[in-house]
Amino acid sequence: MYLPYFSSLTSKLLSRLMAHFEKELQKTPEKKGDELSRRYKSILDSVRVRQRKLFRFARLVVRIRPSSSTSQLTFEDS
């Protein structure tokens, strides 16, 4: 995996995350009051967890290769 590919991968993942968030918000809620509040909290928690995982991955890659734009990255299963 090359770093330019990493940038496009990160961009694609962020756009998918935002699309998922917007799609969830567009669904018409059938609930009222506390149930509606819990639904929105659940949506935000889900998006927040996915966003943290994505940013953690981005920091890991930047730490591995901070100034190289053509290095090949390999990840081994441990």
C-alpha atoms as a PDB file:
ATOM      1  CA  MET A   1       0.000   0.000   0.000  1.00  0.00           C
ATOM      2  CA  TYR A   2       1.469   3.355  -1.001  1.00  0.00           C
ATOM      3  CA  LEU A   3       0.874   6.550   0.951  1.00  0.00           C
ATOM      4  CA  PRO A   4      -0.967   8.293  -1.909  1.00  0.00           C
ATOM      5  CA  TYR A   5      -3.251   5.269  -1.936  1.00  0.00           C
ATOM      6  CA  PHE A   6      -3.538   5.653   1.836  1.00  0.00           C
ATOM      7  CA  SER A   7      -4.734   9.242   1.390  1.00  0.00           C
ATOM      8  CA  SER A   8      -7.390   8.221  -1.090  1.00  0.00           C
ATOM      9  CA  LEU A   9      -8.376   5.300   1.137  1.00  0.00           C
ATOM     10  CA  THR A  10      -8.718   7.606   4.140  1.00  0.00           C
ATOM     11  CA  SER A  11     -10.739  10.076   2.108  1.00  0.00           C
ATOM     12  CA  LYS A  12     -13.032   7.327   0.833  1.00  0.00           C
ATOM     13  CA  LEU A  13     -13.545   5.957   4.343  1.00  0.00           C
ATOM     14  CA  LEU A  14     -14.348   9.398   5.737  1.00  0.00           C
ATOM     15  CA  SER A  15     -16.843  10.066   2.953  1.00  0.00           C
ATOM     16  CA  ARG A  16     -18.511   6.694   3.597  1.00  0.00           C
ATOM     17  CA  LEU A  17     -18.696   7.492   7.291  1.00  0.00           C
ATOM     18  CA  MET A  18     -20.348  10.843   6.577  1.00  0.00           C
ATOM     19  CA  ALA A  19     -22.753   9.245   4.086  1.00  0.00           C
ATOM     20  CA  HIS A  20     -23.742   6.653   6.689  1.00  0.00           C
ATOM     21  CA  PHE A  21     -24.288   9.381   9.286  1.00  0.00           C
ATOM     22  CA  GLU A  22     -26.437  11.467   6.921  1.00  0.00           C
ATOM     23  CA  LYS A  23     -28.431   8.422   5.805  1.00  0.00           C
ATOM     24  CA  GLU A  24     -29.201   7.506   9.407  1.00  0.00           C
ATOM     25  CA  LEU A  25     -30.340  11.060  10.136  1.00  0.00           C
ATOM     26  CA  GLN A  26     -32.590  11.119   7.043  1.00  0.00           C
ATOM     27  CA  LYS A  27     -34.600   8.084   8.147  1.00  0.00           C
ATOM     28  CA  THR A  28     -37.967   9.156   9.487  1.00  0.00           C
ATOM     29  CA  PRO A  29     -38.182   8.333  13.157  1.00  0.00           C
ATOM     30  CA  GLU A  30     -41.292   6.562  14.360  1.00  0.00           C
ATOM     31  CA  LYS A  31     -40.379   7.255  17.957  1.00  0.00           C
ATOM     32  CA  LYS A  32     -41.032  10.245  20.170  1.00  0.00           C
ATOM     33  CA  GLY A  33     -39.436  11.825  23.230  1.00  0.00           C
ATOM     34  CA  ASP A  34     -36.852   9.765  25.087  1.00  0.00           C
ATOM     35  CA  GLU A  35     -36.770   7.044  22.432  1.00  0.00           C
ATOM     36  CA  LEU A  36     -35.898   9.611  19.770  1.00  0.00           C
ATOM     37  CA  SER A  37     -33.175  11.049  21.981  1.00  0.00           C
ATOM     38  CA  ARG A  38     -31.731   7.549  22.520  1.00  0.00           C
ATOM     39  CA  ARG A  39     -31.812   6.894  18.775  1.00  0.00           C
ATOM     40  CA  TYR A  40     -29.815  10.034  17.983  1.00  0.00           C
ATOM     41  CA  LYS A  41     -27.366   9.269  20.783  1.00  0.00           C
ATOM     42  CA  SER A  42     -26.895   5.766  19.382  1.00  0.00           C
ATOM     43  CA  ILE A  43     -26.239   7.134  15.882  1.00  0.00           C
ATOM     44  CA  LEU A  44     -23.689   9.630  17.192  1.00  0.00           C
ATOM     45  CA  ASP A  45     -21.953   6.983  19.321  1.00  0.00           C
ATOM     46  CA  SER A  46     -21.682   4.641  16.349  1.00  0.00           C
ATOM     47  CA  VAL A  47     -20.217   7.329  14.095  1.00  0.00           C
ATOM     48  CA  ARG A  48     -17.859   8.504  16.839  1.00  0.00           C
ATOM     49  CA  VAL A  49     -16.463   4.988  17.350  1.00  0.00           C
ATOM     50  CA  ARG A  50     -15.880   4.501  13.607  1.00  0.00           C
ATOM     51  CA  GLN A  51     -14.243   7.935  13.342  1.00  0.00           C
ATOM     52  CA  ARG A  52     -11.871   7.177  16.223  1.00  0.00           C
ATOM     53  CA  LYS A  53     -10.834   3.878  14.643  1.00  0.00           C
ATOM     54  CA  LEU A  54     -10.147   5.616  11.337  1.00  0.00           C
ATOM     55  CA  PHE A  55      -8.067   8.379  12.946  1.00  0.00           C
ATOM     56  CA  ARG A  56      -6.158   5.824  15.031  1.00  0.00           C
ATOM     57  CA  PHE A  57      -5.280   3.987  11.827  1.00  0.00           C
ATOM     58  CA  ALA A  58      -4.183   7.249  10.175  1.00  0.00           C
ATOM     59  CA  ARG A  59      -1.914   8.121  13.114  1.00  0.00           C
ATOM     60  CA  LEU A  60      -0.375   4.637  13.004  1.00  0.00           C
ATOM     61  CA  VAL A  61       0.507   4.951   9.328  1.00  0.00           C
ATOM     62  CA  VAL A  62       1.910   8.462   9.750  1.00  0.00           C
ATOM     63  CA  ARG A  63       4.049   7.263  12.655  1.00  0.00           C
ATOM     64  CA  ILE A  64       5.413   4.382  10.575  1.00  0.00           C
ATOM     65  CA  ARG A  65       6.323   6.496   7.550  1.00  0.00           C
ATOM     66  CA  PRO A  66       6.217  10.209   8.466  1.00  0.00           C
ATOM     67  CA  SER A  67       8.068  11.708   5.487  1.00  0.00           C
ATOM     68  CA  SER A  68       8.011   9.127   2.748  1.00  0.00           C
ATOM     69  CA  SER A  69       5.522   9.423  -0.076  1.00  0.00           C
ATOM     70  CA  THR A  70       6.534   6.340  -2.046  1.00  0.00           C
ATOM     71  CA  SER A  71       7.270   3.785   0.659  1.00  0.00           C
ATOM     72  CA  GLN A  72       5.472   0.510   0.501  1.00  0.00           C
ATOM     73  CA  LEU A  73       3.690  -0.433   3.705  1.00  0.00           C
ATOM     74  CA  THR A  74       3.073  -3.989   4.750  1.00  0.00           C
ATOM     75  CA  PHE A  75       1.008  -5.023   7.737  1.00  0.00           C
ATOM     76  CA  GLU A  76       1.515  -8.409   9.268  1.00  0.00           C
ATOM     77  CA  ASP A  77      -1.108 -10.251  11.268  1.00  0.00           C
ATOM     78  CA  SER A  78       0.021 -10.750  14.826  1.00  0.00           C
END
